[in-house]
């Protein structure tokens, strides 16, 4: 049939063309029994499926079935294990172990003083240094953290929001000192301050100064480090705080829309900056609900970016996301059961099309993961990837009556929440509604109300059913008090060795820039190069902008 006789190109034809043109891995995509399988399945030719355009094909708007036509045949998800404990040297050793064992990227967990923009020798840091992540006080700690790990060739995610921008500057300085071309760096910074006010509560300032810093970071990365993603909009902590799947979905995407509005308010082109936004979701234990949540998230994001915010390119409409298995689903009784829970949750994330994944360790409910438990968590992903055949077919549950109904249901619930948020806004924007909901406690109240409404007791194996066990107590990783004592000594020694005049001058320049409309990333970089500490940088801005106190709710 010649071109003039051919009928109009269908969505399946477009998928096939994209699939044929895309690079694929050289791998065995047959079943264990040797059966050939197609890269995707859908209705037979000529079949009429009502509203099938809402399901579609991989790589086709609205991307319900994935953003790439090839699915995992093109590239599997990135194995990115979240890790950090003690000091930078200890965490560096763990990173090298994970990378040597097959990890494909790094994800940095910071301790509580770092997350709150405090130095390790701050009196408010006492007893917390190195306990829930790694202690980072200055760029010199970043040098140690990534020693022997070339940042030019390693994608690095950093889970931090309040002091995200100064931490990012210290990361850039460490990369500079390695001789890296900063314009080629690739990674993700969380930077999501909205979710801090909603769920995690790790902020430094009132919302407006934080949004200024985020806008500055978006502009700086867009102009100077185009592959780096300056924002990872996080639903994980919202879900861990007790939200439902629909609330996690809606609150997270609403926050994402707020950041799109921030970029537009800065005069940025949505087709240029939207690809730098990524997402971070929880994979909970309700298997099918989680798969539906991920599918609905892609569809909602694509439609809103196109129809509400004017994104024209597919890349700007794509929702890319990292997933972590649910920490709140882990149990202290019978902790070996957590291996099973994590595997099920990881499989849900993969069937939902995650782009990268962290799997929790079995002992994480008790302490920071031990080395053996961390290896088992890593191997869980590798078994799923290498042995189960889930990489063979894109969205294998697409078309399931149950999964499609759940996807539609979660989308509808999310849309109702979006409408409620916008109703709270003085100007009808998503940002205005979010800020109002933060100020009046609406988000935290909605999560709390949901917890009160939960009816019936769900069975949890090892906790309220099947409680008998022959298991022995676990050996867990404990952080020695010596870690804090040594880190405090290190901070004091660095202060004594640095050029204090240079530190004072760069901090003064940062404060002066904060009083103008200038982008704050360059002066903050100068402060990091001079070995100003995290606490000094954040303290200078606290003195200028003030701190934030959450309004009381009764």
Protein backbone atom coordinates (compact mmCIF):
# COMPACT_ATOMS: atom_id res chain seq x y z
CA UNK A 1 0.00 0.00 0.00
CA UNK A 2 1.50 3.38 -0.95
CA UNK A 3 1.49 6.42 1.27
CA UNK A 4 -1.55 7.98 -0.43
CA UNK A 5 -3.60 4.83 0.12
CA UNK A 6 -2.53 4.40 3.77
CA UNK A 7 -5.03 5.37 6.46
CA UNK A 8 -4.36 7.94 9.17
CA UNK A 9 -1.61 7.08 11.64
CA UNK A 10 -3.06 5.61 14.82
CA UNK A 11 -1.63 5.97 18.31
CA UNK A 12 -0.43 2.38 18.07
CA UNK A 13 1.32 3.21 14.78
CA UNK A 14 3.02 6.16 16.46
CA UNK A 15 4.13 3.94 19.33
CA UNK A 16 5.50 1.36 16.91
CA UNK A 17 7.44 4.02 15.00
CA UNK A 18 8.92 5.43 18.18
CA UNK A 19 9.74 1.97 19.46
CA UNK A 20 11.47 0.99 16.21
CA UNK A 21 13.54 4.19 16.20
CA UNK A 22 14.58 4.04 19.85
CA UNK A 23 17.70 2.38 21.22
CA UNK A 24 17.06 -0.93 22.95
CA UNK A 25 19.23 -2.96 25.27
CA UNK A 26 20.85 -6.12 23.95
CA UNK A 27 19.14 -8.51 26.35
CA UNK A 28 16.96 -11.61 26.48
CA UNK A 29 13.31 -10.52 26.54
CA UNK A 30 11.76 -13.99 26.58
CA UNK A 31 9.99 -15.78 29.43
CA UNK A 32 11.78 -18.30 31.62
CA UNK A 33 10.34 -20.98 29.32
CA UNK A 34 11.73 -19.25 26.25
CA UNK A 35 8.50 -17.73 24.95
CA UNK A 36 8.80 -14.57 22.90
CA UNK A 37 6.77 -11.67 24.34
CA UNK A 38 5.77 -8.39 22.75
CA UNK A 39 7.16 -5.15 24.20
CA UNK A 40 3.61 -3.96 24.94
CA UNK A 41 0.08 -5.32 24.78
CA UNK A 42 -3.18 -3.58 23.99
CA UNK A 43 -6.54 -4.03 22.26
CA UNK A 44 -6.47 -6.10 19.06
CA UNK A 45 -6.61 -4.24 15.75
CA UNK A 46 -10.09 -2.95 15.04
CA UNK A 47 -11.30 -3.27 18.65
CA UNK A 48 -13.21 -0.31 20.05
CA UNK A 49 -12.31 0.45 23.67
CA UNK A 50 -14.18 3.45 25.10
CA UNK A 51 -11.84 6.22 26.31
CA UNK A 52 -8.78 4.18 25.32
CA UNK A 53 -6.94 7.45 24.70
CA UNK A 54 -6.80 7.83 28.51
CA UNK A 55 -4.82 4.56 28.65
CA UNK A 56 -2.96 4.77 25.36
CA UNK A 57 0.48 3.40 24.57
CA UNK A 58 3.88 3.89 26.23
CA UNK A 59 5.55 7.11 25.14
CA UNK A 60 2.22 8.58 23.99
CA UNK A 61 0.29 11.38 25.68
CA UNK A 62 -1.02 11.22 28.39
CA UNK A 63 1.77 8.75 29.29
CA UNK A 64 -0.43 6.64 31.55
CA UNK A 65 1.61 3.61 30.47
CA UNK A 66 5.03 5.25 30.73
CA UNK A 67 7.01 8.09 29.25
CA UNK A 68 9.22 5.96 26.99
CA UNK A 69 8.01 3.87 24.06
CA UNK A 70 10.52 1.15 24.96
CA UNK A 71 9.70 0.89 28.66
CA UNK A 72 12.50 -0.91 30.49
CA UNK A 73 13.69 -2.50 27.25
CA UNK A 74 15.40 0.79 26.54
CA UNK A 75 16.78 1.43 30.02
CA UNK A 76 15.88 -0.22 33.31
CA UNK A 77 15.15 1.87 36.36
CA UNK A 78 18.14 3.31 38.23
CA UNK A 79 19.04 1.40 41.39
CA UNK A 80 19.57 4.32 43.77
CA UNK A 81 19.97 3.29 47.41
CA UNK A 82 19.43 6.06 50.00
CA UNK A 83 22.32 6.00 52.44
CA UNK A 84 24.16 8.13 54.93
CA UNK A 85 25.29 7.76 58.54
CA UNK A 86 27.99 8.91 60.91
CA UNK A 87 30.65 11.06 59.32
CA UNK A 88 31.56 11.62 55.69
CA UNK A 89 34.32 8.98 55.77
CA UNK A 90 31.99 6.23 57.00
CA UNK A 91 29.33 7.10 54.45
CA UNK A 92 31.91 7.23 51.66
CA UNK A 93 32.83 3.63 52.47
CA UNK A 94 29.15 2.59 52.30
CA UNK A 95 28.73 4.34 48.92
CA UNK A 96 31.70 2.50 47.51
CA UNK A 97 30.23 -0.79 48.73
CA UNK A 98 26.87 -0.07 47.12
CA UNK A 99 28.42 1.00 43.81
CA UNK A 100 30.71 -2.05 43.75
CA UNK A 101 27.69 -4.28 44.41
CA UNK A 102 25.84 -2.93 41.37
CA UNK A 103 24.21 0.31 42.48
CA UNK A 104 23.87 2.77 39.61
CA UNK A 105 23.52 6.07 41.47
CA UNK A 106 23.90 7.62 44.91
CA UNK A 107 21.27 9.08 47.22
CA UNK A 108 22.50 11.07 50.21
CA UNK A 109 20.77 10.95 53.58
CA UNK A 110 21.72 13.80 55.92
CA UNK A 111 21.58 13.92 59.70
CA UNK A 112 19.10 16.13 61.53
CA UNK A 113 21.44 19.06 62.25
CA UNK A 114 22.32 19.25 58.54
CA UNK A 115 18.65 19.04 57.55
CA UNK A 116 17.95 21.98 59.87
CA UNK A 117 20.91 24.07 58.65
CA UNK A 118 22.89 23.70 61.89
CA UNK A 119 26.55 22.90 62.39
CA UNK A 120 27.63 19.82 64.31
CA UNK A 121 29.00 21.98 67.15
CA UNK A 122 25.77 23.96 67.52
CA UNK A 123 24.33 23.28 71.01
CA UNK A 124 21.02 22.31 69.37
CA UNK A 125 22.84 19.51 67.51
CA UNK A 126 23.86 17.70 70.68
CA UNK A 127 23.13 13.98 70.48
CA UNK A 128 21.97 14.08 66.85
CA UNK A 129 25.19 14.24 64.83
CA UNK A 130 25.43 11.38 62.34
CA UNK A 131 22.39 9.53 63.67
CA UNK A 132 19.79 9.68 60.88
CA UNK A 133 22.22 10.43 58.09
CA UNK A 134 25.64 11.89 57.38
CA UNK A 135 26.92 15.08 59.02
CA UNK A 136 27.94 17.75 56.49
CA UNK A 137 29.30 21.01 57.89
CA UNK A 138 31.24 22.46 54.96
CA UNK A 139 32.52 21.79 51.46
CA UNK A 140 35.47 19.90 52.97
CA UNK A 141 33.00 17.27 54.25
CA UNK A 142 31.65 16.96 50.70
CA UNK A 143 35.22 16.34 49.50
CA UNK A 144 35.48 13.42 51.89
CA UNK A 145 31.97 12.16 51.19
CA UNK A 146 32.72 11.72 47.49
CA UNK A 147 36.42 10.89 47.68
CA UNK A 148 37.25 8.33 44.99
CA UNK A 149 33.77 8.71 43.45
CA UNK A 150 33.92 10.85 40.29
CA UNK A 151 30.98 13.22 40.47
CA UNK A 152 31.32 13.93 36.75
CA UNK A 153 30.19 10.37 36.05
CA UNK A 154 27.86 9.63 38.98
CA UNK A 155 24.25 10.74 39.28
CA UNK A 156 23.74 11.93 42.82
CA UNK A 157 20.46 12.61 44.58
CA UNK A 158 20.42 14.65 47.78
CA UNK A 159 17.37 14.48 50.04
CA UNK A 160 17.32 17.86 51.75
CA UNK A 161 14.98 20.84 51.44
CA UNK A 162 15.41 23.69 53.94
CA UNK A 163 19.18 24.19 53.45
CA UNK A 164 19.18 22.54 50.01
CA UNK A 165 20.79 25.44 48.14
CA UNK A 166 23.88 25.84 50.38
CA UNK A 167 24.32 22.04 50.41
CA UNK A 168 24.10 22.08 46.60
CA UNK A 169 26.79 24.78 46.51
CA UNK A 170 29.06 22.61 48.66
CA UNK A 171 28.44 19.70 46.27
CA UNK A 172 29.44 21.95 43.33
CA UNK A 173 32.61 22.99 45.14
CA UNK A 174 33.52 19.33 45.75
CA UNK A 175 32.95 18.62 42.04
CA UNK A 176 35.12 21.64 41.13
CA UNK A 177 37.91 20.33 43.34
CA UNK A 178 37.70 16.99 41.52
CA UNK A 179 38.18 18.84 38.24
CA UNK A 180 34.65 18.13 36.96
CA UNK A 181 32.98 20.21 34.28
CA UNK A 182 30.08 21.56 36.35
CA UNK A 183 27.93 22.12 33.27
CA UNK A 184 27.84 18.33 32.73
CA UNK A 185 26.80 17.29 36.25
CA UNK A 186 23.71 15.12 36.55
CA UNK A 187 21.66 14.53 39.66
CA UNK A 188 18.71 15.65 41.71
CA UNK A 189 18.25 17.96 44.67
CA UNK A 190 15.03 17.63 46.63
CA UNK A 191 14.52 21.33 47.52
CA UNK A 192 10.76 20.76 48.03
CA UNK A 193 9.88 23.21 50.78
CA UNK A 194 6.10 22.88 50.38
CA UNK A 195 6.14 19.30 51.67
CA UNK A 196 8.17 20.41 54.68
CA UNK A 197 5.35 22.68 55.80
CA UNK A 198 2.80 19.98 54.97
CA UNK A 199 4.48 16.92 56.48
CA UNK A 200 8.16 16.75 57.41
CA UNK A 201 8.58 20.08 59.26
CA UNK A 202 12.22 20.75 58.33
CA UNK A 203 12.15 24.39 57.25
CA UNK A 204 14.39 27.37 58.02
CA UNK A 205 12.45 30.46 56.97
CA UNK A 206 8.92 31.52 56.05
CA UNK A 207 7.71 30.18 52.69
CA UNK A 208 8.47 33.26 50.58
CA UNK A 209 12.27 33.35 51.18
CA UNK A 210 12.44 29.62 50.54
CA UNK A 211 10.56 30.08 47.26
CA UNK A 212 13.00 32.83 46.30
CA UNK A 213 15.92 30.43 46.83
CA UNK A 214 14.16 27.72 44.80
CA UNK A 215 13.49 30.17 41.97
CA UNK A 216 17.14 31.24 42.02
CA UNK A 217 18.23 27.59 41.89
CA UNK A 218 15.90 26.82 38.98
CA UNK A 219 17.30 29.75 37.02
CA UNK A 220 20.92 28.91 37.86
CA UNK A 221 20.63 25.26 36.89
CA UNK A 222 18.73 26.06 33.71
CA UNK A 223 21.46 28.45 32.62
CA UNK A 224 24.53 26.60 33.85
CA UNK A 225 23.84 22.91 34.64
CA UNK A 226 21.04 21.88 32.26
CA UNK A 227 21.10 18.15 33.06
CA UNK A 228 20.79 18.70 36.81
CA UNK A 229 17.28 18.51 38.31
CA UNK A 230 16.95 21.24 40.95
CA UNK A 231 13.63 20.03 42.36
CA UNK A 232 12.33 16.63 43.40
CA UNK A 233 8.75 17.14 44.52
CA UNK A 234 8.24 14.72 47.38
CA UNK A 235 5.09 12.82 48.21
CA UNK A 236 7.03 10.23 50.20
CA UNK A 237 7.03 12.19 53.44
CA UNK A 238 3.39 13.15 52.99
CA UNK A 239 2.46 9.47 52.80
CA UNK A 240 4.72 8.54 55.68
CA UNK A 241 2.93 11.21 57.76
CA UNK A 242 -0.31 9.23 57.34
CA UNK A 243 -1.99 10.44 54.16
CA UNK A 244 -4.00 8.22 51.85
CA UNK A 245 -2.74 7.32 48.39
CA UNK A 246 -5.07 9.93 46.87
CA UNK A 247 -3.85 12.64 49.28
CA UNK A 248 -0.23 11.77 48.55
CA UNK A 249 -0.95 11.97 44.84
CA UNK A 250 -2.90 15.24 45.01
CA UNK A 251 -0.77 17.13 47.54
CA UNK A 252 2.41 16.17 45.70
CA UNK A 253 1.21 17.13 42.25
CA UNK A 254 -0.31 20.35 43.61
CA UNK A 255 3.11 21.22 45.03
CA UNK A 256 4.59 20.46 41.61
CA UNK A 257 2.09 22.79 39.96
CA UNK A 258 3.11 25.46 42.49
CA UNK A 259 6.73 25.15 41.39
CA UNK A 260 5.65 25.38 37.74
CA UNK A 261 3.89 28.64 38.63
CA UNK A 262 7.08 29.78 40.37
CA UNK A 263 9.12 29.13 37.23
CA UNK A 264 6.59 30.96 35.08
CA UNK A 265 6.60 33.91 37.48
CA UNK A 266 10.38 34.13 36.94
CA UNK A 267 9.82 34.44 33.18
CA UNK A 268 11.18 30.96 32.51
CA UNK A 269 9.98 28.89 29.55
CA UNK A 270 7.94 25.93 30.80
CA UNK A 271 9.31 23.75 28.00
CA UNK A 272 12.81 24.54 29.25
CA UNK A 273 12.42 24.24 33.03
CA UNK A 274 9.69 21.59 33.43
CA UNK A 275 12.03 18.74 32.39
CA UNK A 276 14.14 19.69 35.44
CA UNK A 277 11.28 18.84 37.81
CA UNK A 278 11.15 15.30 39.13
CA UNK A 279 9.04 13.53 41.76
CA UNK A 280 9.55 11.23 44.73
CA UNK A 281 6.77 8.86 45.73
CA UNK A 282 6.13 6.25 48.40
CA UNK A 283 5.47 2.64 47.37
CA UNK A 284 3.17 1.31 50.08
CA UNK A 285 1.98 -2.22 50.71
CA UNK A 286 -1.41 -2.11 48.91
CA UNK A 287 -0.04 -3.49 45.65
CA UNK A 288 -2.64 -2.51 43.07
CA UNK A 289 -3.49 0.87 44.62
CA UNK A 290 0.15 1.90 44.37
CA UNK A 291 0.45 0.84 40.73
CA UNK A 292 -2.70 2.82 39.92
CA UNK A 293 -1.34 5.85 41.80
CA UNK A 294 1.81 5.98 39.69
CA UNK A 295 -0.15 5.62 36.45
CA UNK A 296 -2.62 8.34 37.48
CA UNK A 297 0.24 10.66 38.44
CA UNK A 298 1.75 10.55 34.95
CA UNK A 299 -1.62 11.17 33.32
CA UNK A 300 -2.58 14.09 35.55
CA UNK A 301 0.80 15.79 35.25
CA UNK A 302 0.88 15.53 31.45
CA UNK A 303 -2.62 16.91 31.06
CA UNK A 304 -2.12 19.83 33.46
CA UNK A 305 1.27 20.76 32.00
CA UNK A 306 -0.21 20.81 28.50
CA UNK A 307 -3.65 22.25 29.10
CA UNK A 308 -3.12 24.54 32.11
CA UNK A 309 0.52 25.61 31.88
CA UNK A 310 1.05 25.49 28.11
CA UNK A 311 3.86 22.94 27.82
CA UNK A 312 4.21 21.97 24.17
CA UNK A 313 6.94 19.33 24.21
CA UNK A 314 6.58 15.77 25.43
CA UNK A 315 9.64 16.12 27.68
CA UNK A 316 8.00 19.01 29.51
CA UNK A 317 4.86 16.90 30.00
CA UNK A 318 6.69 13.84 31.32
CA UNK A 319 6.46 12.98 34.99
CA UNK A 320 9.73 11.35 36.03
CA UNK A 321 9.81 9.86 39.50
CA UNK A 322 11.92 8.10 42.08
CA UNK A 323 10.28 5.67 44.48
CA UNK A 324 11.16 4.48 47.95
CA UNK A 325 9.44 1.54 49.60
CA UNK A 326 7.31 2.46 52.62
CA UNK A 327 9.24 2.97 55.82
CA UNK A 328 6.03 3.05 57.83
CA UNK A 329 5.12 -0.45 56.64
CA UNK A 330 8.19 -1.95 58.32
CA UNK A 331 7.69 -3.68 61.65
CA UNK A 332 10.03 -4.17 64.60
CA UNK A 333 8.48 -7.57 65.49
CA UNK A 334 9.68 -10.27 63.10
CA UNK A 335 11.83 -7.86 61.08
CA UNK A 336 12.73 -10.52 58.50
CA UNK A 337 9.17 -10.11 57.20
CA UNK A 338 10.24 -6.65 56.07
CA UNK A 339 12.22 -8.24 53.24
CA UNK A 340 8.94 -9.57 51.81
CA UNK A 341 7.12 -6.28 52.30
CA UNK A 342 9.91 -4.38 50.58
CA UNK A 343 9.96 -6.80 47.63
CA UNK A 344 6.20 -6.44 47.10
CA UNK A 345 6.38 -2.64 47.33
CA UNK A 346 9.36 -2.51 44.98
CA UNK A 347 7.51 -4.67 42.46
CA UNK A 348 4.54 -2.28 42.61
CA UNK A 349 6.87 0.64 41.88
CA UNK A 350 8.37 -1.19 38.90
CA UNK A 351 5.00 -2.22 37.50
CA UNK A 352 3.96 1.41 37.92
CA UNK A 353 6.93 2.49 35.80
CA UNK A 354 9.29 4.10 38.31
CA UNK A 355 12.43 5.69 36.89
CA UNK A 356 14.60 4.99 39.93
CA UNK A 357 14.12 3.04 43.14
CA UNK A 358 15.32 2.70 46.72
CA UNK A 359 14.46 -0.44 48.66
CA UNK A 360 14.39 -0.23 52.46
CA UNK A 361 16.47 -2.57 54.57
CA UNK A 362 14.86 -5.04 56.95
CA UNK A 363 16.44 -3.42 60.03
CA UNK A 364 15.58 0.18 59.08
CA UNK A 365 12.67 0.26 61.51
CA UNK A 366 15.15 -0.24 64.35
CA UNK A 367 18.23 1.70 63.28
CA UNK A 368 20.25 2.80 60.28
CA UNK A 369 20.78 -0.16 57.93
CA UNK A 370 23.62 -2.52 58.68
CA UNK A 371 25.89 -3.52 55.81
CA UNK A 372 24.37 -6.99 55.32
CA UNK A 373 20.81 -5.65 55.45
CA UNK A 374 21.73 -2.89 52.97
CA UNK A 375 23.11 -5.52 50.60
CA UNK A 376 19.91 -7.59 50.86
CA UNK A 377 17.86 -4.49 50.05
CA UNK A 378 20.02 -3.87 46.99
CA UNK A 379 19.80 -7.51 45.91
CA UNK A 380 15.99 -7.30 46.16
CA UNK A 381 15.98 -4.82 43.29
CA UNK A 382 18.45 -6.88 41.31
CA UNK A 383 16.38 -10.06 41.64
CA UNK A 384 13.31 -8.18 40.39
CA UNK A 385 15.28 -6.68 37.52
CA UNK A 386 17.24 -9.73 36.41
CA UNK A 387 15.01 -12.71 37.22
CA UNK A 388 11.30 -11.89 37.14
CA UNK A 389 10.79 -10.79 33.54
CA UNK A 390 9.06 -7.54 34.55
CA UNK A 391 11.43 -5.57 32.29
CA UNK A 392 10.16 -7.39 29.20
CA UNK A 393 6.78 -5.70 28.75
CA UNK A 394 5.72 -2.09 29.31
CA UNK A 395 2.83 -1.57 31.72
CA UNK A 396 1.85 -5.26 31.76
CA UNK A 397 -1.23 -4.53 33.90
CA UNK A 398 -2.54 -1.88 31.50
CA UNK A 399 -6.08 -2.73 30.45
CA UNK A 400 -6.84 -4.65 33.64
CA UNK A 401 -10.36 -3.69 34.65
CA UNK A 402 -9.31 -3.38 38.27
CA UNK A 403 -6.14 -1.38 37.66
CA UNK A 404 -7.82 0.96 35.18
CA UNK A 405 -10.76 1.54 37.55
CA UNK A 406 -8.37 2.30 40.42
CA UNK A 407 -6.35 4.63 38.20
CA UNK A 408 -9.52 6.55 37.23
CA UNK A 409 -10.72 6.64 40.85
CA UNK A 410 -7.46 8.06 42.19
CA UNK A 411 -7.34 10.62 39.39
CA UNK A 412 -10.87 11.79 40.21
CA UNK A 413 -10.09 12.05 43.93
CA UNK A 414 -6.96 14.04 43.16
CA UNK A 415 -8.85 16.44 40.90
CA UNK A 416 -11.37 17.10 43.68
CA UNK A 417 -8.51 17.97 46.04
CA UNK A 418 -6.94 20.29 43.44
CA UNK A 419 -10.23 22.15 43.19
CA UNK A 420 -10.38 22.55 46.96
CA UNK A 421 -6.82 23.92 47.11
CA UNK A 422 -7.49 26.45 44.38
CA UNK A 423 -10.67 27.56 46.16
CA UNK A 424 -8.50 28.62 49.10
CA UNK A 425 -6.33 30.81 46.87
CA UNK A 426 -6.96 34.58 46.77
CA UNK A 427 -6.03 34.62 43.07
CA UNK A 428 -7.12 31.14 41.98
CA UNK A 429 -3.54 29.91 41.60
CA UNK A 430 -2.31 26.62 42.99
CA UNK A 431 0.52 28.44 44.77
CA UNK A 432 -1.89 30.78 46.54
CA UNK A 433 -3.99 27.84 47.72
CA UNK A 434 -0.95 25.93 48.96
CA UNK A 435 0.34 28.91 50.94
CA UNK A 436 -3.10 29.48 52.46
CA UNK A 437 -3.42 25.78 53.30
CA UNK A 438 -0.02 25.86 55.01
CA UNK A 439 -0.88 28.98 56.99
CA UNK A 440 -4.25 27.72 58.24
CA UNK A 441 -3.10 24.14 58.83
CA UNK A 442 -5.45 22.66 56.23
CA UNK A 443 -2.99 20.09 54.86
CA UNK A 444 -1.95 18.70 58.23
CA UNK A 445 -5.58 18.74 59.33
CA UNK A 446 -6.66 16.71 56.30
CA UNK A 447 -4.03 14.06 57.02
CA UNK A 448 -4.98 13.96 60.69
CA UNK A 449 -8.69 13.69 59.88
CA UNK A 450 -7.99 10.77 57.59
CA UNK A 451 -6.21 8.93 60.38
CA UNK A 452 -9.22 9.44 62.64
CA UNK A 453 -11.59 8.14 59.95
CA UNK A 454 -9.74 4.89 59.34
CA UNK A 455 -12.07 2.07 60.31
CA UNK A 456 -11.26 -1.51 61.07
CA UNK A 457 -7.94 -2.97 62.04
CA UNK A 458 -5.76 -4.06 59.17
CA UNK A 459 -3.86 -7.26 59.78
CA UNK A 460 -0.10 -6.91 60.07
CA UNK A 461 1.84 -10.16 60.11
CA UNK A 462 4.00 -10.49 63.19
CA UNK A 463 2.25 -7.61 64.96
CA UNK A 464 -1.44 -8.50 65.39
CA UNK A 465 -1.58 -11.82 63.55
CA UNK A 466 0.83 -14.76 63.23
CA UNK A 467 2.85 -13.42 66.13
CA UNK A 468 4.69 -16.61 67.07
CA UNK A 469 8.32 -16.67 65.94
CA UNK A 470 11.62 -18.47 66.33
CA UNK A 471 13.63 -15.45 65.12
CA UNK A 472 16.43 -14.05 67.24
CA UNK A 473 17.00 -10.32 67.95
CA UNK A 474 18.91 -8.47 65.23
CA UNK A 475 22.36 -7.00 65.54
CA UNK A 476 21.83 -3.37 64.56
CA UNK A 477 24.12 -0.54 63.50
CA UNK A 478 24.79 1.87 66.35
CA UNK A 479 26.42 5.26 65.92
CA UNK A 480 29.13 5.80 68.51
CA UNK A 481 29.11 9.07 70.50
CA UNK A 482 32.70 9.35 69.32
CA UNK A 483 31.39 10.30 65.86
CA UNK A 484 29.92 13.51 67.24
CA UNK A 485 32.97 14.32 69.34
CA UNK A 486 35.29 13.86 66.35
CA UNK A 487 33.08 15.88 64.01
CA UNK A 488 32.99 18.78 66.48
CA UNK A 489 36.81 18.70 66.61
CA UNK A 490 36.98 18.65 62.80
CA UNK A 491 34.72 21.71 62.51
CA UNK A 492 36.84 23.62 65.05
CA UNK A 493 40.08 22.70 63.23
CA UNK A 494 38.71 23.85 59.87
CA UNK A 495 37.60 27.17 61.33
CA UNK A 496 41.10 27.69 62.72
CA UNK A 497 42.77 26.87 59.38
CA UNK A 498 40.61 28.84 56.94
CA UNK A 499 40.89 32.47 55.84
CA UNK A 500 38.40 34.07 58.22
CA UNK A 501 38.52 37.38 56.34
CA UNK A 502 37.39 35.60 53.16
CA UNK A 503 34.58 33.87 55.04
CA UNK A 504 33.35 37.13 56.55
CA UNK A 505 33.52 38.89 53.19
CA UNK A 506 31.59 36.19 51.32
CA UNK A 507 28.90 36.02 54.01
CA UNK A 508 28.53 39.81 53.91
CA UNK A 509 28.24 39.66 50.12
CA UNK A 510 25.55 36.99 50.44
CA UNK A 511 23.49 39.12 52.83
CA UNK A 512 23.91 42.16 50.60
CA UNK A 513 22.68 40.15 47.62
CA UNK A 514 19.71 38.94 49.67
CA UNK A 515 18.63 42.58 49.98
CA UNK A 516 18.41 42.87 46.19
CA UNK A 517 16.82 40.81 43.43
CA UNK A 518 20.16 39.17 42.57
CA UNK A 519 20.44 35.40 42.20
CA UNK A 520 21.81 34.06 45.49
CA UNK A 521 23.51 30.94 44.13
CA UNK A 522 26.77 32.67 42.97
CA UNK A 523 27.48 34.45 46.30
CA UNK A 524 26.55 31.28 48.18
CA UNK A 525 29.02 29.35 46.01
CA UNK A 526 31.72 31.84 46.96
CA UNK A 527 30.94 31.30 50.64
CA UNK A 528 31.16 27.54 50.21
CA UNK A 529 34.52 27.87 48.41
CA UNK A 530 35.81 29.89 51.36
CA UNK A 531 34.76 27.01 53.70
CA UNK A 532 31.95 28.92 55.37
CA UNK A 533 29.97 26.32 57.28
CA UNK A 534 26.37 25.37 56.66
CA UNK A 535 25.34 26.90 59.97
CA UNK A 536 27.10 30.17 59.14
CA UNK A 537 25.47 30.47 55.72
CA UNK A 538 22.00 29.61 57.02
CA UNK A 539 22.53 31.73 60.11
CA UNK A 540 23.37 34.78 58.03
CA UNK A 541 20.11 34.37 56.11
CA UNK A 542 18.11 33.66 59.28
CA UNK A 543 19.37 36.95 60.70
CA UNK A 544 18.21 38.71 57.53
CA UNK A 545 14.92 36.91 56.88
CA UNK A 546 13.88 35.62 60.28
CA UNK A 547 12.76 32.11 61.21
CA UNK A 548 9.36 30.46 60.76
CA UNK A 549 7.09 29.11 63.49
CA UNK A 550 4.17 26.88 62.58
CA UNK A 551 0.80 28.35 63.59
CA UNK A 552 -0.80 26.55 66.50
CA UNK A 553 -3.76 24.31 65.71
CA UNK A 554 -6.28 22.91 68.18
